[in-house]
Amino acid sequence: MNDFSELEAELKKLRPRAASPELATRIERALAEAPTATPSAGVLPKHRKFRVNWFGLGLGLAAAAALLLLARVNVERPGKRQSVVAMTPVPFAPPIPASDAFVPAGLTQVVYNTRDEGLHFPEGADQPVRRVRTQKRETLQWRNPGTGTSLRVSYPSEEVTLIPVSGQ
């Protein structure tokens, strides 16, 4: 059969021994003593008082302030592509007697790209500026009231705007 059957039979015969009266009195004495008087032999950690790490707290607050400052600077980014059309009508002018005279009839500006080029630090300036580049097409129109002919001229233009940035 099984080699362990003899060992199992012997283990089943074993019974726990009764506790000595000496052990019972030692347990009673130990329970009667105050729990703080029991030595821990260095196993239990000493009770540590809560202390604030001021250096770590200051460093964390400085990092949070820097993050908020950078987030504030980058919040005002314009969209990547914008299209704006502006039409300025010219007020009606009385007819000019000369037949070769052209009068302005209108101006159209179409903005087809606006790009934020980030922060720049110009020499001699006290504060940084944000450079925004706008590309647009302007169309000027003239009309000859006498003959009814019109002249239209379109040309691309680019505008760079420097916007002052404050840290407040």
Foldseek 3Di string as FASTA:
>chain_A
DDPCPVVVVVVVPDDDDDDDVVVVVVVVVVVPDDPVPDDPVPPDDDDDDDDDPVVVVVVVVVVVLVVVLVCVQPPPFDDFWDWDKDKDADDDDPADPDQPDKDWGIKIKIWTGKGWPQWDDDPPDPFIWTKIKIKIKMKTKIARVNVGDMDIDIDIDMDIDTHTDDSD
